Amino acid sequence: PGKEEAWIVLDADADARLWAGVRPGVSRDDLARAAADGTV
């Protein structure tokens, strides 16, 4: 089995954030470079 999942937020601090999906125009190579330099 893979791992599709869903998050249901029950409580959140005022500045809390989630990230899901890459921004338009970001490529796999961009992600590889960003993972290496800490900007992913």
PDB file of all heavy atoms in Angstrom:
ATOM      1  N   PRO A   1       0.823  -1.209   0.000  1.00  0.00           N
ATOM      2  CA  PRO A   1       0.000   0.000   0.000  1.00  0.00           C
ATOM      3  C   PRO A   1       0.853   1.252   0.000  1.00  0.00           C
ATOM      4  O   PRO A   1       1.926   1.302   0.598  1.00  0.00           O
ATOM      5  CB  PRO A   1      -0.797  -0.126   1.308  1.00  0.00           C
ATOM      6  CG  PRO A   1       0.046  -0.984   2.183  1.00  0.00           C
ATOM      7  CD  PRO A   1       0.743  -1.948   1.270  1.00  0.00           C
ATOM      8  N   GLY A   2       0.389   2.255  -0.709  1.00  0.00           N
ATOM      9  CA  GLY A   2       1.021   3.564  -0.649  1.00  0.00           C
ATOM     10  C   GLY A   2       0.557   4.305   0.591  1.00  0.00           C
ATOM     11  O   GLY A   2       0.086   3.700   1.557  1.00  0.00           O
ATOM     12  N   LYS A   3       0.694   5.631   0.545  1.00  0.00           N
ATOM     13  CA  LYS A   3       0.331   6.410   1.726  1.00  0.00           C
ATOM     14  C   LYS A   3      -0.320   7.721   1.306  1.00  0.00           C
ATOM     15  O   LYS A   3       0.280   8.777   1.363  1.00  0.00           O
ATOM     16  CB  LYS A   3       1.542   6.653   2.611  1.00  0.00           C
ATOM     17  CG  LYS A   3       1.197   7.219   3.989  1.00  0.00           C
ATOM     18  CD  LYS A   3       2.444   7.359   4.840  1.00  0.00           C
ATOM     19  CE  LYS A   3       2.135   8.015   6.173  1.00  0.00           C
ATOM     20  NZ  LYS A   3       3.364   8.257   6.971  1.00  0.00           N
ATOM     21  N   GLU A   4      -1.557   7.615   0.817  1.00  0.00           N
ATOM     22  CA  GLU A   4      -2.385   8.808   0.701  1.00  0.00           C
ATOM     23  C   GLU A   4      -2.905   9.119   2.103  1.00  0.00           C
ATOM     24  O   GLU A   4      -3.224   8.210   2.879  1.00  0.00           O
ATOM     25  CB  GLU A   4      -3.548   8.558  -0.255  1.00  0.00           C
ATOM     26  CG  GLU A   4      -4.419   9.787  -0.465  1.00  0.00           C
ATOM     27  CD  GLU A   4      -5.448   9.567  -1.557  1.00  0.00           C
ATOM     28  OE1 GLU A   4      -6.455   8.879  -1.294  1.00  0.00           O
ATOM     29  OE2 GLU A   4      -5.231  10.069  -2.680  1.00  0.00           O
ATOM     30  N   GLU A   5      -2.986  10.410   2.444  1.00  0.00           N
ATOM     31  CA  GLU A   5      -3.380  10.783   3.794  1.00  0.00           C
ATOM     32  C   GLU A   5      -4.198  12.065   3.770  1.00  0.00           C
ATOM     33  O   GLU A   5      -4.203  12.798   2.771  1.00  0.00           O
ATOM     34  CB  GLU A   5      -2.145  10.960   4.677  1.00  0.00           C
ATOM     35  CG  GLU A   5      -1.211  12.073   4.235  1.00  0.00           C
ATOM     36  CD  GLU A   5       0.113  12.060   4.997  1.00  0.00           C
ATOM     37  OE1 GLU A   5       0.527  10.981   5.471  1.00  0.00           O
ATOM     38  OE2 GLU A   5       0.734  13.140   5.099  1.00  0.00           O
ATOM     39  N   ALA A   6      -4.881  12.314   4.871  1.00  0.00           N
ATOM     40  CA  ALA A   6      -5.614  13.569   5.030  1.00  0.00           C
ATOM     41  C   ALA A   6      -5.369  14.110   6.426  1.00  0.00           C
ATOM     42  O   ALA A   6      -5.328  13.359   7.402  1.00  0.00           O
ATOM     43  CB  ALA A   6      -7.111  13.356   4.798  1.00  0.00           C
ATOM     44  N   TRP A   7      -5.180  15.428   6.505  1.00  0.00           N
ATOM     45  CA  TRP A   7      -4.973  16.117   7.777  1.00  0.00           C
ATOM     46  C   TRP A   7      -6.226  16.897   8.141  1.00  0.00           C
ATOM     47  O   TRP A   7      -6.789  17.613   7.310  1.00  0.00           O
ATOM     48  CB  TRP A   7      -3.829  17.121   7.670  1.00  0.00           C
ATOM     49  CG  TRP A   7      -2.561  16.590   7.091  1.00  0.00           C
ATOM     50  CD1 TRP A   7      -2.031  15.337   7.238  1.00  0.00           C
ATOM     51  CD2 TRP A   7      -1.632  17.318   6.258  1.00  0.00           C
ATOM     52  NE1 TRP A   7      -0.837  15.238   6.561  1.00  0.00           N
ATOM     53  CE2 TRP A   7      -0.561  16.435   5.955  1.00  0.00           C
ATOM     54  CE3 TRP A   7      -1.592  18.618   5.764  1.00  0.00           C
ATOM     55  CZ2 TRP A   7       0.520  16.824   5.156  1.00  0.00           C
ATOM     56  CZ3 TRP A   7      -0.520  19.007   4.978  1.00  0.00           C
ATOM     57  CH2 TRP A   7       0.522  18.120   4.689  1.00  0.00           C
ATOM     58  N   ILE A   8      -6.642  16.798   9.384  1.00  0.00           N
ATOM     59  CA  ILE A   8      -7.769  17.560   9.908  1.00  0.00           C
ATOM     60  C   ILE A   8      -7.227  18.364  11.085  1.00  0.00           C
ATOM     61  O   ILE A   8      -6.840  17.804  12.111  1.00  0.00           O
ATOM     62  CB  ILE A   8      -8.906  16.622  10.365  1.00  0.00           C
ATOM     63  CG1 ILE A   8      -9.346  15.726   9.201  1.00  0.00           C
ATOM     64  CG2 ILE A   8     -10.084  17.432  10.907  1.00  0.00           C
ATOM     65  CD1 ILE A   8     -10.043  14.458   9.634  1.00  0.00           C
ATOM     66  N   VAL A   9      -7.143  19.684  10.931  1.00  0.00           N
ATOM     67  CA  VAL A   9      -6.523  20.534  11.949  1.00  0.00           C
ATOM     68  C   VAL A   9      -7.497  20.724  13.114  1.00  0.00           C
ATOM     69  O   VAL A   9      -8.614  21.227  12.940  1.00  0.00           O
ATOM     70  CB  VAL A   9      -6.111  21.891  11.356  1.00  0.00           C
ATOM     71  CG1 VAL A   9      -5.534  22.797  12.447  1.00  0.00           C
ATOM     72  CG2 VAL A   9      -5.094  21.690  10.236  1.00  0.00           C
ATOM     73  N   LEU A  10      -7.048  20.320  14.299  1.00  0.00           N
ATOM     74  CA  LEU A  10      -7.866  20.412  15.515  1.00  0.00           C
ATOM     75  C   LEU A  10      -7.518  21.627  16.358  1.00  0.00           C
ATOM     76  O   LEU A  10      -8.341  22.097  17.131  1.00  0.00           O
ATOM     77  CB  LEU A  10      -7.677  19.141  16.348  1.00  0.00           C
ATOM     78  CG  LEU A  10      -7.971  17.819  15.625  1.00  0.00           C
ATOM     79  CD1 LEU A  10      -7.663  16.642  16.533  1.00  0.00           C
ATOM     80  CD2 LEU A  10      -9.416  17.770  15.155  1.00  0.00           C
ATOM     81  N   ASP A  11      -6.303  22.112  16.228  1.00  0.00           N
ATOM     82  CA  ASP A  11      -5.874  23.317  16.938  1.00  0.00           C
ATOM     83  C   ASP A  11      -4.649  23.850  16.213  1.00  0.00           C
ATOM     84  O   ASP A  11      -3.873  23.074  15.632  1.00  0.00           O
ATOM     85  CB  ASP A  11      -5.546  23.006  18.398  1.00  0.00           C
ATOM     86  CG  ASP A  11      -5.513  24.249  19.279  1.00  0.00           C
ATOM     87  OD1 ASP A  11      -5.938  25.328  18.799  1.00  0.00           O
ATOM     88  OD2 ASP A  11      -5.083  24.150  20.446  1.00  0.00           O
ATOM     89  N   ALA A  12      -4.470  25.174  16.235  1.00  0.00           N
ATOM     90  CA  ALA A  12      -3.358  25.769  15.506  1.00  0.00           C
ATOM     91  C   ALA A  12      -2.937  27.066  16.172  1.00  0.00           C
ATOM     92  O   ALA A  12      -3.783  27.901  16.511  1.00  0.00           O
ATOM     93  CB  ALA A  12      -3.750  26.036  14.049  1.00  0.00           C
ATOM     94  N   ASP A  13      -1.628  27.226  16.360  1.00  0.00           N
ATOM     95  CA  ASP A  13      -1.108  28.510  16.800  1.00  0.00           C
ATOM     96  C   ASP A  13      -1.350  29.550  15.705  1.00  0.00           C
ATOM     97  O   ASP A  13      -1.570  29.212  14.539  1.00  0.00           O
ATOM     98  CB  ASP A  13       0.389  28.412  17.092  1.00  0.00           C
ATOM     99  CG  ASP A  13       0.701  27.539  18.297  1.00  0.00           C
ATOM    100  OD1 ASP A  13      -0.251  27.186  19.034  1.00  0.00           O
ATOM    101  OD2 ASP A  13       1.892  27.217  18.504  1.00  0.00           O
ATOM    102  N   ALA A  14      -1.264  30.822  16.088  1.00  0.00           N
ATOM    103  CA  ALA A  14      -1.622  31.899  15.158  1.00  0.00           C
ATOM    104  C   ALA A  14      -0.770  31.907  13.896  1.00  0.00           C
ATOM    105  O   ALA A  14      -1.238  32.305  12.827  1.00  0.00           O
ATOM    106  CB  ALA A  14      -1.514  33.241  15.874  1.00  0.00           C
ATOM    107  N   ASP A  15       0.482  31.490  14.000  1.00  0.00           N
ATOM    108  CA  ASP A  15       1.376  31.534  12.848  1.00  0.00           C
ATOM    109  C   ASP A  15       1.626  30.168  12.221  1.00  0.00           C
ATOM    110  O   ASP A  15       2.570  30.000  11.448  1.00  0.00           O
ATOM    111  CB  ASP A  15       2.711  32.159  13.240  1.00  0.00           C
ATOM    112  CG  ASP A  15       3.402  31.392  14.377  1.00  0.00           C
ATOM    113  OD1 ASP A  15       2.744  30.516  14.986  1.00  0.00           O
ATOM    114  OD2 ASP A  15       4.577  31.675  14.658  1.00  0.00           O
ATOM    115  N   ALA A  16       0.799  29.187  12.528  1.00  0.00           N
ATOM    116  CA  ALA A  16       1.030  27.818  12.052  1.00  0.00           C
ATOM    117  C   ALA A  16       0.775  27.720  10.553  1.00  0.00           C
ATOM    118  O   ALA A  16      -0.137  28.349  10.008  1.00  0.00           O
ATOM    119  CB  ALA A  16       0.148  26.844  12.808  1.00  0.00           C
ATOM    120  N   ARG A  17       1.585  26.879   9.899  1.00  0.00           N
ATOM    121  CA  ARG A  17       1.499  26.705   8.453  1.00  0.00           C
ATOM    122  C   ARG A  17       1.609  25.224   8.084  1.00  0.00           C
ATOM    123  O   ARG A  17       2.221  24.424   8.792  1.00  0.00           O
ATOM    124  CB  ARG A  17       2.637  27.456   7.737  1.00  0.00           C
ATOM    125  CG  ARG A  17       2.607  28.970   7.930  1.00  0.00           C
ATOM    126  CD  ARG A  17       1.439  29.599   7.207  1.00  0.00           C
ATOM    127  NE  ARG A  17       1.497  31.057   7.221  1.00  0.00           N
ATOM    128  CZ  ARG A  17       0.967  31.816   8.186  1.00  0.00           C
ATOM    129  NH1 ARG A  17       0.365  31.245   9.223  1.00  0.00           N
ATOM    130  NH2 ARG A  17       1.031  33.132   8.102  1.00  0.00           N
ATOM    131  N   LEU A  18       1.025  24.892   6.931  1.00  0.00           N
ATOM    132  CA  LEU A  18       1.187  23.594   6.286  1.00  0.00           C
ATOM    133  C   LEU A  18       1.659  23.848   4.864  1.00  0.00           C
ATOM    134  O   LEU A  18       1.354  24.888   4.273  1.00  0.00           O
ATOM    135  CB  LEU A  18      -0.137  22.829   6.246  1.00  0.00           C
ATOM    136  CG  LEU A  18      -0.786  22.436   7.571  1.00  0.00           C
ATOM    137  CD1 LEU A  18      -2.264  22.128   7.353  1.00  0.00           C
ATOM    138  CD2 LEU A  18      -0.090  21.231   8.165  1.00  0.00           C
ATOM    139  N   TRP A  19       2.383  22.888   4.304  1.00  0.00           N
ATOM    140  CA  TRP A  19       2.819  22.993   2.919  1.00  0.00           C
ATOM    141  C   TRP A  19       2.454  21.696   2.204  1.00  0.00           C
ATOM    142  O   TRP A  19       2.718  20.604   2.709  1.00  0.00           O
ATOM    143  CB  TRP A  19       4.326  23.218   2.841  1.00  0.00           C
ATOM    144  CG  TRP A  19       4.774  24.543   3.381  1.00  0.00           C
ATOM    145  CD1 TRP A  19       4.945  25.703   2.692  1.00  0.00           C
ATOM    146  CD2 TRP A  19       5.101  24.846   4.739  1.00  0.00           C
ATOM    147  NE1 TRP A  19       5.360  26.713   3.527  1.00  0.00           N
ATOM    148  CE2 TRP A  19       5.465  26.212   4.796  1.00  0.00           C
ATOM    149  CE3 TRP A  19       5.129  24.101   5.924  1.00  0.00           C
ATOM    150  CZ2 TRP A  19       5.847  26.835   5.973  1.00  0.00           C
ATOM    151  CZ3 TRP A  19       5.502  24.718   7.104  1.00  0.00           C
ATOM    152  CH2 TRP A  19       5.860  26.075   7.120  1.00  0.00           C
ATOM    153  N   ALA A  20       1.878  21.820   1.022  1.00  0.00           N
ATOM    154  CA  ALA A  20       1.513  20.632   0.239  1.00  0.00           C
ATOM    155  C   ALA A  20       1.448  20.999  -1.230  1.00  0.00           C
ATOM    156  O   ALA A  20       0.739  21.935  -1.616  1.00  0.00           O
ATOM    157  CB  ALA A  20       0.175  20.060   0.704  1.00  0.00           C
ATOM    158  N   GLY A  21       2.217  20.260  -2.043  1.00  0.00           N
ATOM    159  CA  GLY A  21       2.300  20.547  -3.463  1.00  0.00           C
ATOM    160  C   GLY A  21       3.382  21.574  -3.753  1.00  0.00           C
ATOM    161  O   GLY A  21       3.704  22.402  -2.898  1.00  0.00           O
ATOM    162  N   VAL A  22       3.966  21.514  -4.948  1.00  0.00           N
ATOM    163  CA  VAL A  22       5.016  22.466  -5.305  1.00  0.00           C
ATOM    164  C   VAL A  22       4.395  23.668  -6.008  1.00  0.00           C
ATOM    165  O   VAL A  22       3.320  23.585  -6.603  1.00  0.00           O
ATOM    166  CB  VAL A  22       6.096  21.817  -6.195  1.00  0.00           C
ATOM    167  CG1 VAL A  22       6.738  20.643  -5.472  1.00  0.00           C
ATOM    168  CG2 VAL A  22       5.522  21.366  -7.533  1.00  0.00           C
ATOM    169  N   ARG A  23       5.078  24.790  -5.925  1.00  0.00           N
ATOM    170  CA  ARG A  23       4.612  26.007  -6.589  1.00  0.00           C
ATOM    171  C   ARG A  23       4.664  25.830  -8.108  1.00  0.00           C
ATOM    172  O   ARG A  23       5.504  25.084  -8.619  1.00  0.00           O
ATOM    173  CB  ARG A  23       5.468  27.200  -6.168  1.00  0.00           C
ATOM    174  CG  ARG A  23       5.330  27.596  -4.708  1.00  0.00           C
ATOM    175  CD  ARG A  23       6.192  28.809  -4.405  1.00  0.00           C
ATOM    176  NE  ARG A  23       6.116  29.192  -3.008  1.00  0.00           N
ATOM    177  CZ  ARG A  23       5.178  29.975  -2.475  1.00  0.00           C
ATOM    178  NH1 ARG A  23       4.224  30.464  -3.259  1.00  0.00           N
ATOM    179  NH2 ARG A  23       5.188  30.266  -1.189  1.00  0.00           N
ATOM    180  N   PRO A  24       3.776  26.520  -8.819  1.00  0.00           N
ATOM    181  CA  PRO A  24       3.807  26.424 -10.289  1.00  0.00           C
ATOM    182  C   PRO A  24       5.192  26.778 -10.840  1.00  0.00           C
ATOM    183  O   PRO A  24       5.833  27.733 -10.390  1.00  0.00           O
ATOM    184  CB  PRO A  24       2.756  27.460 -10.722  1.00  0.00           C
ATOM    185  CG  PRO A  24       1.815  27.545  -9.558  1.00  0.00           C
ATOM    186  CD  PRO A  24       2.675  27.378  -8.336  1.00  0.00           C
ATOM    187  N   GLY A  25       5.644  25.996 -11.791  1.00  0.00           N
ATOM    188  CA  GLY A  25       6.922  26.247 -12.427  1.00  0.00           C
ATOM    189  C   GLY A  25       8.109  25.577 -11.769  1.00  0.00           C
ATOM    190  O   GLY A  25       9.214  25.575 -12.331  1.00  0.00           O
ATOM    191  N   VAL A  26       7.912  24.994 -10.571  1.00  0.00           N
ATOM    192  CA  VAL A  26       9.011  24.318  -9.878  1.00  0.00           C
ATOM    193  C   VAL A  26       9.172  22.916 -10.466  1.00  0.00           C
ATOM    194  O   VAL A  26       8.204  22.155 -10.571  1.00  0.00           O
ATOM    195  CB  VAL A  26       8.757  24.243  -8.366  1.00  0.00           C
ATOM    196  CG1 VAL A  26       9.819  23.392  -7.672  1.00  0.00           C
ATOM    197  CG2 VAL A  26       8.728  25.641  -7.758  1.00  0.00           C
ATOM    198  N   SER A  27      10.398  22.572 -10.833  1.00  0.00           N
ATOM    199  CA  SER A  27      10.682  21.271 -11.452  1.00  0.00           C
ATOM    200  C   SER A  27      11.320  20.320 -10.441  1.00  0.00           C
ATOM    201  O   SER A  27      11.703  20.718  -9.333  1.00  0.00           O
ATOM    202  CB  SER A  27      11.631  21.454 -12.637  1.00  0.00           C
ATOM    203  OG  SER A  27      12.924  21.837 -12.168  1.00  0.00           O
ATOM    204  N   ARG A  28      11.451  19.072 -10.852  1.00  0.00           N
ATOM    205  CA  ARG A  28      12.129  18.080 -10.022  1.00  0.00           C
ATOM    206  C   ARG A  28      13.592  18.506  -9.774  1.00  0.00           C
ATOM    207  O   ARG A  28      14.107  18.371  -8.666  1.00  0.00           O
ATOM    208  CB  ARG A  28      12.072  16.713 -10.706  1.00  0.00           C
ATOM    209  CG  ARG A  28      12.433  15.529  -9.818  1.00  0.00           C
ATOM    210  CD  ARG A  28      12.328  14.228 -10.618  1.00  0.00           C
ATOM    211  NE  ARG A  28      11.036  14.115 -11.268  1.00  0.00           N
ATOM    212  CZ  ARG A  28       9.975  13.526 -10.725  1.00  0.00           C
ATOM    213  NH1 ARG A  28      10.064  12.980  -9.526  1.00  0.00           N
ATOM    214  NH2 ARG A  28       8.822  13.462 -11.383  1.00  0.00           N
ATOM    215  N   ASP A  29      14.245  19.051 -10.803  1.00  0.00           N
ATOM    216  CA  ASP A  29      15.622  19.517 -10.639  1.00  0.00           C
ATOM    217  C   ASP A  29      15.696  20.685  -9.659  1.00  0.00           C
ATOM    218  O   ASP A  29      16.640  20.787  -8.865  1.00  0.00           O
ATOM    219  CB  ASP A  29      16.210  19.926 -11.992  1.00  0.00           C
ATOM    220  CG  ASP A  29      16.497  18.730 -12.892  1.00  0.00           C
ATOM    221  OD1 ASP A  29      16.567  17.590 -12.372  1.00  0.00           O
ATOM    222  OD2 ASP A  29      16.638  18.938 -14.114  1.00  0.00           O
ATOM    223  N   ASP A  30      14.704  21.573  -9.725  1.00  0.00           N
ATOM    224  CA  ASP A  30      14.658  22.688  -8.765  1.00  0.00           C
ATOM    225  C   ASP A  30      14.565  22.159  -7.340  1.00  0.00           C
ATOM    226  O   ASP A  30      15.238  22.665  -6.432  1.00  0.00           O
ATOM    227  CB  ASP A  30      13.446  23.585  -9.043  1.00  0.00           C
ATOM    228  CG  ASP A  30      13.542  24.322 -10.366  1.00  0.00           C
ATOM    229  OD1 ASP A  30      14.670  24.607 -10.804  1.00  0.00           O
ATOM    230  OD2 ASP A  30      12.472  24.607 -10.942  1.00  0.00           O
ATOM    231  N   LEU A  31      13.748  21.147  -7.132  1.00  0.00           N
ATOM    232  CA  LEU A  31      13.594  20.573  -5.796  1.00  0.00           C
ATOM    233  C   LEU A  31      14.886  19.917  -5.333  1.00  0.00           C
ATOM    234  O   LEU A  31      15.251  20.007  -4.154  1.00  0.00           O
ATOM    235  CB  LEU A  31      12.443  19.559  -5.789  1.00  0.00           C
ATOM    236  CG  LEU A  31      11.036  20.148  -5.898  1.00  0.00           C
ATOM    237  CD1 LEU A  31      10.017  19.042  -6.161  1.00  0.00           C
ATOM    238  CD2 LEU A  31      10.654  20.901  -4.633  1.00  0.00           C
ATOM    239  N   ALA A  32      15.596  19.259  -6.246  1.00  0.00           N
ATOM    240  CA  ALA A  32      16.868  18.630  -5.891  1.00  0.00           C
ATOM    241  C   ALA A  32      17.874  19.683  -5.435  1.00  0.00           C
ATOM    242  O   ALA A  32      18.554  19.508  -4.416  1.00  0.00           O
ATOM    243  CB  ALA A  32      17.416  17.842  -7.079  1.00  0.00           C
ATOM    244  N   ARG A  33      17.953  20.784  -6.164  1.00  0.00           N
ATOM    245  CA  ARG A  33      18.876  21.847  -5.769  1.00  0.00           C
ATOM    246  C   ARG A  33      18.454  22.483  -4.453  1.00  0.00           C
ATOM    247  O   ARG A  33      19.289  22.773  -3.584  1.00  0.00           O
ATOM    248  CB  ARG A  33      18.950  22.901  -6.880  1.00  0.00           C
ATOM    249  CG  ARG A  33      19.714  22.435  -8.116  1.00  0.00           C
ATOM    250  CD  ARG A  33      19.942  23.592  -9.076  1.00  0.00           C
ATOM    251  NE  ARG A  33      18.687  24.039  -9.687  1.00  0.00           N
ATOM    252  CZ  ARG A  33      18.206  23.561 -10.838  1.00  0.00           C
ATOM    253  NH1 ARG A  33      18.888  22.627 -11.501  1.00  0.00           N
ATOM    254  NH2 ARG A  33      17.079  24.021 -11.337  1.00  0.00           N
ATOM    255  N   ALA A  34      17.153  22.700  -4.278  1.00  0.00           N
ATOM    256  CA  ALA A  34      16.658  23.336  -3.061  1.00  0.00           C
ATOM    257  C   ALA A  34      16.840  22.443  -1.843  1.00  0.00           C
ATOM    258  O   ALA A  34      17.108  22.926  -0.739  1.00  0.00           O
ATOM    259  CB  ALA A  34      15.184  23.701  -3.227  1.00  0.00           C
ATOM    260  N   ALA A  35      16.707  21.127  -2.038  1.00  0.00           N
ATOM    261  CA  ALA A  35      16.944  20.207  -0.925  1.00  0.00           C
ATOM    262  C   ALA A  35      18.398  20.271  -0.485  1.00  0.00           C
ATOM    263  O   ALA A  35      18.713  20.178   0.710  1.00  0.00           O
ATOM    264  CB  ALA A  35      16.563  18.785  -1.325  1.00  0.00           C
ATOM    265  N   ALA A  36      19.302  20.451  -1.443  1.00  0.00           N
ATOM    266  CA  ALA A  36      20.733  20.503  -1.122  1.00  0.00           C
ATOM    267  C   ALA A  36      21.119  21.785  -0.414  1.00  0.00           C
ATOM    268  O   ALA A  36      21.983  21.779   0.475  1.00  0.00           O
ATOM    269  CB  ALA A  36      21.551  20.355  -2.407  1.00  0.00           C
ATOM    270  N   ASP A  37      20.476  22.917  -0.781  1.00  0.00           N
ATOM    271  CA  ASP A  37      20.872  24.189  -0.160  1.00  0.00           C
ATOM    272  C   ASP A  37      19.929  24.653   0.946  1.00  0.00           C
ATOM    273  O   ASP A  37      20.073  25.756   1.481  1.00  0.00           O
ATOM    274  CB  ASP A  37      21.035  25.289  -1.221  1.00  0.00           C
ATOM    275  CG  ASP A  37      19.729  25.661  -1.934  1.00  0.00           C
ATOM    276  OD1 ASP A  37      18.644  25.421  -1.381  1.00  0.00           O
ATOM    277  OD2 ASP A  37      19.805  26.213  -3.050  1.00  0.00           O
ATOM    278  N   GLY A  38      18.929  23.813   1.313  1.00  0.00           N
ATOM    279  CA  GLY A  38      18.078  24.116   2.458  1.00  0.00           C
ATOM    280  C   GLY A  38      16.941  25.073   2.189  1.00  0.00           C
ATOM    281  O   GLY A  38      16.340  25.603   3.129  1.00  0.00           O
ATOM    282  N   THR A  39      16.570  25.277   0.918  1.00  0.00           N
ATOM    283  CA  THR A  39      15.504  26.231   0.589  1.00  0.00           C
ATOM    284  C   THR A  39      14.256  25.548   0.041  1.00  0.00           C
ATOM    285  O   THR A  39      13.409  26.204  -0.569  1.00  0.00           O
ATOM    286  CB  THR A  39      16.007  27.249  -0.443  1.00  0.00           C
ATOM    287  OG1 THR A  39      16.396  26.556  -1.652  1.00  0.00           O
ATOM    288  CG2 THR A  39      17.194  28.035   0.096  1.00  0.00           C
ATOM    289  N   VAL A  40      14.110  24.244   0.283  1.00  0.00           N
ATOM    290  CA  VAL A  40      13.037  23.496  -0.365  1.00  0.00           C
ATOM    291  C   VAL A  40      11.650  23.947   0.089  1.00  0.00           C
ATOM    292  O   VAL A  40      10.692  23.907  -0.696  1.00  0.00           O
ATOM    293  CB  VAL A  40      13.234  21.975  -0.150  1.00  0.00           C
ATOM    294  CG1 VAL A  40      13.018  21.584   1.300  1.00  0.00           C
ATOM    295  CG2 VAL A  40      12.318  21.170  -1.063  1.00  0.00           C
TER     296      VAL A  40
END
